[in-house]
Amino acid sequence: MNPNLRACIAHVAARLSGVGVNSAVYDYSQSKHIHVSGNVSATAVNVYDHDRGAHLTGSPANLYDHGLGGHISLNLNGAQFSGYDHRSGYHYQGTINGSSVTVYDYESGQHHQFNV
């Protein structure tokens, strides 16, 4: 999964779980802040990744990344979430613990840490 898309997913998952999220997501893998703004609800997502200049829109179960041109699913279950990146063909899963979000990306085979 694209590194900035991972950061956007961490942002959306945290917002859906009710965590108060800053407009910047710190991605420890990239050692940088990624500015993400927009609206997130249980039925609609419309966020903008200022770093890439790309929107992520749709319902959580059927998101579309306008920068990469691919669909992503996101399923939230309490502090756990999972999904599938149709463009890369790989699953991901994650956990939310306060402002800390961990995403395991099956494409990279690694855990990625974010502060939201």
N, C-alpha and C. Protein backbone atom coordinates (compact mmCIF):
# COMPACT_ATOMS: atom_id res chain seq x y z
N MET A 1 0.85 -1.17 0.00
CA MET A 1 0.00 0.00 0.00
C MET A 1 0.90 1.24 0.00
N ASN A 2 0.48 2.21 -0.72
CA ASN A 2 1.20 3.48 -0.77
C ASN A 2 1.34 4.04 0.65
N PRO A 3 2.53 4.55 1.02
CA PRO A 3 2.74 5.06 2.38
C PRO A 3 1.76 6.16 2.79
N ASN A 4 1.46 7.10 1.92
CA ASN A 4 0.52 8.16 2.28
C ASN A 4 -0.90 7.64 2.38
N LEU A 5 -1.26 6.66 1.58
CA LEU A 5 -2.58 6.06 1.69
C LEU A 5 -2.71 5.37 3.04
N ARG A 6 -1.65 4.71 3.51
CA ARG A 6 -1.66 4.09 4.85
C ARG A 6 -1.95 5.15 5.91
N ALA A 7 -1.30 6.31 5.78
CA ALA A 7 -1.51 7.40 6.74
C ALA A 7 -2.96 7.88 6.70
N CYS A 8 -3.53 7.99 5.51
CA CYS A 8 -4.93 8.40 5.38
C CYS A 8 -5.86 7.37 6.00
N ILE A 9 -5.57 6.10 5.81
CA ILE A 9 -6.38 5.03 6.40
C ILE A 9 -6.29 5.11 7.92
N ALA A 10 -5.09 5.35 8.47
CA ALA A 10 -4.93 5.50 9.92
C ALA A 10 -5.78 6.67 10.41
N HIS A 11 -5.75 7.77 9.69
CA HIS A 11 -6.54 8.96 10.04
C HIS A 11 -8.04 8.64 10.03
N VAL A 12 -8.52 8.03 8.96
CA VAL A 12 -9.94 7.72 8.84
C VAL A 12 -10.38 6.72 9.91
N ALA A 13 -9.59 5.67 10.13
CA ALA A 13 -9.95 4.67 11.14
C ALA A 13 -10.04 5.30 12.53
N ALA A 14 -9.07 6.17 12.85
CA ALA A 14 -9.08 6.83 14.16
C ALA A 14 -10.31 7.73 14.30
N ARG A 15 -10.63 8.48 13.25
CA ARG A 15 -11.81 9.35 13.29
C ARG A 15 -13.08 8.53 13.45
N LEU A 16 -13.18 7.42 12.75
CA LEU A 16 -14.37 6.57 12.86
C LEU A 16 -14.51 5.97 14.26
N SER A 17 -13.39 5.72 14.91
CA SER A 17 -13.43 5.14 16.26
C SER A 17 -13.72 6.18 17.33
N GLY A 18 -13.78 7.45 16.94
CA GLY A 18 -14.10 8.50 17.88
C GLY A 18 -12.90 9.18 18.51
N VAL A 19 -11.70 8.84 18.06
CA VAL A 19 -10.50 9.48 18.58
C VAL A 19 -10.42 10.89 18.00
N GLY A 20 -10.18 11.88 18.87
CA GLY A 20 -9.98 13.24 18.39
C GLY A 20 -8.69 13.32 17.59
N VAL A 21 -8.80 13.61 16.33
CA VAL A 21 -7.66 13.53 15.43
C VAL A 21 -7.19 14.92 15.03
N ASN A 22 -5.87 15.12 15.04
CA ASN A 22 -5.27 16.34 14.52
C ASN A 22 -5.36 16.34 13.00
N SER A 23 -5.12 17.48 12.40
CA SER A 23 -5.14 17.54 10.93
C SER A 23 -3.85 16.97 10.34
N ALA A 24 -2.85 16.74 11.18
CA ALA A 24 -1.60 16.15 10.69
C ALA A 24 -1.42 14.77 11.31
N VAL A 25 -1.08 13.82 10.47
CA VAL A 25 -0.77 12.47 10.91
C VAL A 25 0.74 12.33 10.86
N TYR A 26 1.35 11.90 11.96
CA TYR A 26 2.79 11.67 11.92
C TYR A 26 3.04 10.21 11.55
N ASP A 27 3.76 10.02 10.46
CA ASP A 27 4.09 8.68 9.96
C ASP A 27 5.53 8.38 10.36
N TYR A 28 5.70 7.48 11.32
CA TYR A 28 7.04 7.13 11.80
C TYR A 28 7.86 6.44 10.72
N SER A 29 7.22 5.71 9.81
CA SER A 29 7.95 5.03 8.73
C SER A 29 8.60 6.03 7.78
N GLN A 30 7.90 7.14 7.52
CA GLN A 30 8.42 8.16 6.62
C GLN A 30 9.10 9.31 7.37
N SER A 31 8.98 9.30 8.70
CA SER A 31 9.53 10.36 9.56
C SER A 31 9.05 11.74 9.14
N LYS A 32 7.73 11.85 8.94
CA LYS A 32 7.18 13.15 8.56
C LYS A 32 5.70 13.24 8.90
N HIS A 33 5.23 14.50 8.99
CA HIS A 33 3.81 14.78 9.16
C HIS A 33 3.13 14.83 7.80
N ILE A 34 1.92 14.29 7.73
CA ILE A 34 1.12 14.32 6.52
C ILE A 34 -0.18 15.05 6.89
N HIS A 35 -0.44 16.17 6.24
CA HIS A 35 -1.63 16.97 6.53
C HIS A 35 -2.83 16.35 5.81
N VAL A 36 -3.83 15.95 6.59
CA VAL A 36 -5.06 15.35 6.06
C VAL A 36 -6.23 16.15 6.63
N SER A 37 -7.11 16.61 5.75
CA SER A 37 -8.29 17.37 6.20
C SER A 37 -9.53 16.82 5.53
N GLY A 38 -10.69 17.14 6.11
CA GLY A 38 -11.95 16.72 5.51
C GLY A 38 -12.90 16.13 6.53
N ASN A 39 -13.94 15.49 6.02
CA ASN A 39 -15.02 14.96 6.85
C ASN A 39 -15.02 13.44 6.85
N VAL A 40 -15.31 12.88 8.03
CA VAL A 40 -15.39 11.43 8.19
C VAL A 40 -16.61 11.12 9.04
N SER A 41 -17.48 10.25 8.54
CA SER A 41 -18.61 9.75 9.32
C SER A 41 -18.76 8.27 9.02
N ALA A 42 -19.67 7.63 9.72
CA ALA A 42 -19.90 6.19 9.53
C ALA A 42 -20.40 5.85 8.14
N THR A 43 -20.97 6.85 7.43
CA THR A 43 -21.53 6.59 6.11
C THR A 43 -20.78 7.26 4.97
N ALA A 44 -19.96 8.28 5.27
CA ALA A 44 -19.28 9.01 4.20
C ALA A 44 -17.91 9.53 4.63
N VAL A 45 -16.96 9.38 3.72
CA VAL A 45 -15.59 9.87 3.93
C VAL A 45 -15.25 10.78 2.76
N ASN A 46 -14.71 11.95 3.09
CA ASN A 46 -14.21 12.86 2.06
C ASN A 46 -13.03 13.61 2.68
N VAL A 47 -11.84 13.03 2.53
CA VAL A 47 -10.63 13.64 3.08
C VAL A 47 -9.66 13.95 1.95
N TYR A 48 -8.76 14.90 2.26
CA TYR A 48 -7.79 15.36 1.27
C TYR A 48 -6.39 15.23 1.86
N ASP A 49 -5.53 14.51 1.14
CA ASP A 49 -4.13 14.35 1.51
C ASP A 49 -3.36 15.49 0.85
N HIS A 50 -3.00 16.50 1.63
CA HIS A 50 -2.33 17.68 1.10
C HIS A 50 -0.93 17.37 0.58
N ASP A 51 -0.31 16.34 1.10
CA ASP A 51 1.03 15.94 0.68
C ASP A 51 1.03 15.43 -0.76
N ARG A 52 0.03 14.62 -1.09
CA ARG A 52 -0.08 14.07 -2.45
C ARG A 52 -0.99 14.88 -3.35
N GLY A 53 -1.83 15.73 -2.75
CA GLY A 53 -2.82 16.46 -3.54
C GLY A 53 -3.90 15.53 -4.05
N ALA A 54 -4.38 14.63 -3.17
CA ALA A 54 -5.34 13.60 -3.60
C ALA A 54 -6.46 13.44 -2.58
N HIS A 55 -7.68 13.21 -3.09
CA HIS A 55 -8.84 12.94 -2.26
C HIS A 55 -8.99 11.44 -2.02
N LEU A 56 -9.58 11.11 -0.87
CA LEU A 56 -10.02 9.76 -0.54
C LEU A 56 -11.49 9.90 -0.18
N THR A 57 -12.37 9.30 -0.99
CA THR A 57 -13.80 9.51 -0.81
C THR A 57 -14.57 8.19 -0.86
N GLY A 58 -15.81 8.25 -0.40
CA GLY A 58 -16.71 7.09 -0.45
C GLY A 58 -17.23 6.75 0.92
N SER A 59 -17.74 5.55 1.05
CA SER A 59 -18.15 5.05 2.36
C SER A 59 -16.95 4.27 2.91
N PRO A 60 -16.86 4.10 4.24
CA PRO A 60 -15.71 3.35 4.76
C PRO A 60 -15.53 1.98 4.11
N ALA A 61 -16.62 1.30 3.81
CA ALA A 61 -16.53 -0.03 3.22
C ALA A 61 -16.09 0.00 1.75
N ASN A 62 -16.19 1.17 1.12
CA ASN A 62 -15.85 1.28 -0.30
C ASN A 62 -15.26 2.66 -0.59
N LEU A 63 -13.99 2.84 -0.23
CA LEU A 63 -13.29 4.10 -0.44
C LEU A 63 -12.63 4.10 -1.81
N TYR A 64 -12.41 5.30 -2.33
CA TYR A 64 -11.70 5.43 -3.61
C TYR A 64 -10.60 6.48 -3.44
N ASP A 65 -9.38 6.09 -3.77
CA ASP A 65 -8.24 7.00 -3.73
C ASP A 65 -8.09 7.63 -5.11
N HIS A 66 -8.39 8.93 -5.21
CA HIS A 66 -8.36 9.61 -6.50
C HIS A 66 -6.95 9.86 -7.00
N GLY A 67 -5.95 9.83 -6.12
CA GLY A 67 -4.57 10.01 -6.55
C GLY A 67 -3.98 8.76 -7.18
N LEU A 68 -4.29 7.61 -6.61
CA LEU A 68 -3.74 6.35 -7.10
C LEU A 68 -4.71 5.62 -8.03
N GLY A 69 -5.97 6.01 -7.99
CA GLY A 69 -6.95 5.36 -8.85
C GLY A 69 -7.30 3.96 -8.41
N GLY A 70 -7.59 3.77 -7.14
CA GLY A 70 -7.94 2.43 -6.67
C GLY A 70 -8.91 2.45 -5.51
N HIS A 71 -9.66 1.35 -5.36
CA HIS A 71 -10.61 1.19 -4.27
C HIS A 71 -9.94 0.54 -3.06
N ILE A 72 -10.41 0.93 -1.89
CA ILE A 72 -9.90 0.40 -0.63
C ILE A 72 -11.10 0.16 0.27
N SER A 73 -11.15 -0.99 0.91
CA SER A 73 -12.20 -1.24 1.89
C SER A 73 -11.63 -1.02 3.29
N LEU A 74 -12.50 -0.59 4.20
CA LEU A 74 -12.12 -0.37 5.59
C LEU A 74 -13.25 -0.84 6.47
N ASN A 75 -12.97 -1.79 7.36
CA ASN A 75 -13.96 -2.31 8.29
C ASN A 75 -13.46 -2.08 9.70
N LEU A 76 -14.24 -1.38 10.50
CA LEU A 76 -13.86 -1.04 11.86
C LEU A 76 -14.66 -1.87 12.85
N ASN A 77 -13.96 -2.42 13.85
CA ASN A 77 -14.61 -3.20 14.90
C ASN A 77 -13.98 -2.77 16.23
N GLY A 78 -14.57 -1.74 16.84
CA GLY A 78 -14.00 -1.20 18.07
C GLY A 78 -12.66 -0.54 17.78
N ALA A 79 -11.62 -1.01 18.46
CA ALA A 79 -10.27 -0.46 18.27
C ALA A 79 -9.47 -1.23 17.22
N GLN A 80 -10.12 -2.17 16.55
CA GLN A 80 -9.47 -2.97 15.51
C GLN A 80 -10.07 -2.60 14.15
N PHE A 81 -9.25 -2.65 13.12
CA PHE A 81 -9.77 -2.42 11.78
C PHE A 81 -9.00 -3.28 10.79
N SER A 82 -9.62 -3.49 9.64
CA SER A 82 -8.99 -4.29 8.59
C SER A 82 -9.56 -3.84 7.25
N GLY A 83 -8.92 -4.28 6.19
CA GLY A 83 -9.42 -3.93 4.87
C GLY A 83 -8.58 -4.51 3.77
N TYR A 84 -8.89 -4.06 2.58
CA TYR A 84 -8.24 -4.59 1.38
C TYR A 84 -7.98 -3.45 0.41
N ASP A 85 -6.75 -3.38 -0.08
CA ASP A 85 -6.36 -2.40 -1.09
C ASP A 85 -6.46 -3.09 -2.45
N HIS A 86 -7.50 -2.79 -3.19
CA HIS A 86 -7.75 -3.46 -4.47
C HIS A 86 -6.67 -3.16 -5.51
N ARG A 87 -6.06 -1.98 -5.43
CA ARG A 87 -5.03 -1.62 -6.41
C ARG A 87 -3.78 -2.48 -6.23
N SER A 88 -3.36 -2.66 -4.99
CA SER A 88 -2.16 -3.47 -4.74
C SER A 88 -2.48 -4.96 -4.65
N GLY A 89 -3.73 -5.28 -4.29
CA GLY A 89 -4.12 -6.68 -4.14
C GLY A 89 -3.73 -7.28 -2.80
N TYR A 90 -3.56 -6.42 -1.77
CA TYR A 90 -3.15 -6.90 -0.45
C TYR A 90 -4.09 -6.40 0.64
N HIS A 91 -4.21 -7.22 1.67
CA HIS A 91 -4.98 -6.86 2.87
C HIS A 91 -4.11 -6.03 3.80
N TYR A 92 -4.78 -5.39 4.76
CA TYR A 92 -4.11 -4.71 5.86
C TYR A 92 -4.98 -4.85 7.09
N GLN A 93 -4.40 -4.63 8.25
CA GLN A 93 -5.16 -4.63 9.49
C GLN A 93 -4.47 -3.70 10.46
N GLY A 94 -5.23 -3.25 11.46
CA GLY A 94 -4.64 -2.30 12.38
C GLY A 94 -5.35 -2.23 13.71
N THR A 95 -4.71 -1.48 14.62
CA THR A 95 -5.26 -1.24 15.94
C THR A 95 -5.13 0.25 16.28
N ILE A 96 -6.06 0.71 17.09
CA ILE A 96 -6.07 2.09 17.55
C ILE A 96 -5.94 2.07 19.06
N ASN A 97 -4.97 2.80 19.58
CA ASN A 97 -4.75 2.88 21.02
C ASN A 97 -4.53 4.35 21.36
N GLY A 98 -5.62 5.05 21.68
CA GLY A 98 -5.53 6.49 21.90
C GLY A 98 -5.16 7.17 20.60
N SER A 99 -4.13 7.99 20.63
CA SER A 99 -3.70 8.69 19.41
C SER A 99 -2.68 7.89 18.61
N SER A 100 -2.37 6.69 19.06
CA SER A 100 -1.42 5.82 18.35
C SER A 100 -2.18 4.80 17.50
N VAL A 101 -1.82 4.74 16.23
CA VAL A 101 -2.45 3.78 15.31
C VAL A 101 -1.34 2.94 14.68
N THR A 102 -1.54 1.63 14.68
CA THR A 102 -0.61 0.70 14.04
C THR A 102 -1.32 0.03 12.88
N VAL A 103 -0.67 0.02 11.73
CA VAL A 103 -1.21 -0.64 10.54
C VAL A 103 -0.23 -1.72 10.11
N TYR A 104 -0.72 -2.97 10.02
CA TYR A 104 0.10 -4.03 9.43
C TYR A 104 -0.31 -4.15 7.98
N ASP A 105 0.65 -3.90 7.10
CA ASP A 105 0.43 -3.93 5.65
C ASP A 105 1.00 -5.24 5.11
N TYR A 106 0.13 -6.11 4.60
CA TYR A 106 0.58 -7.39 4.09
C TYR A 106 1.46 -7.25 2.84
N GLU A 107 1.33 -6.15 2.13
CA GLU A 107 2.20 -5.92 0.96
C GLU A 107 3.64 -5.68 1.40
N SER A 108 3.84 -4.83 2.39
CA SER A 108 5.20 -4.55 2.86
C SER A 108 5.67 -5.59 3.87
N GLY A 109 4.71 -6.31 4.48
CA GLY A 109 5.06 -7.29 5.50
C GLY A 109 5.57 -6.65 6.77
N GLN A 110 5.14 -5.41 7.04
CA GLN A 110 5.63 -4.67 8.20
C GLN A 110 4.50 -3.95 8.92
N HIS A 111 4.77 -3.67 10.21
CA HIS A 111 3.90 -2.81 11.00
C HIS A 111 4.34 -1.37 10.77
N HIS A 112 3.39 -0.47 10.64
CA HIS A 112 3.65 0.95 10.44
C HIS A 112 2.94 1.72 11.55
N GLN A 113 3.67 2.61 12.21
CA GLN A 113 3.16 3.38 13.34
C GLN A 113 2.79 4.79 12.94
N PHE A 114 1.68 5.28 13.48
CA PHE A 114 1.21 6.63 13.21
C PHE A 114 0.77 7.27 14.52
N ASN A 115 0.91 8.58 14.59
CA ASN A 115 0.33 9.37 15.68
C ASN A 115 -0.68 10.30 15.03
N VAL A 116 -1.95 10.19 15.46
CA VAL A 116 -3.01 10.95 14.82
C VAL A 116 -3.53 12.08 15.69
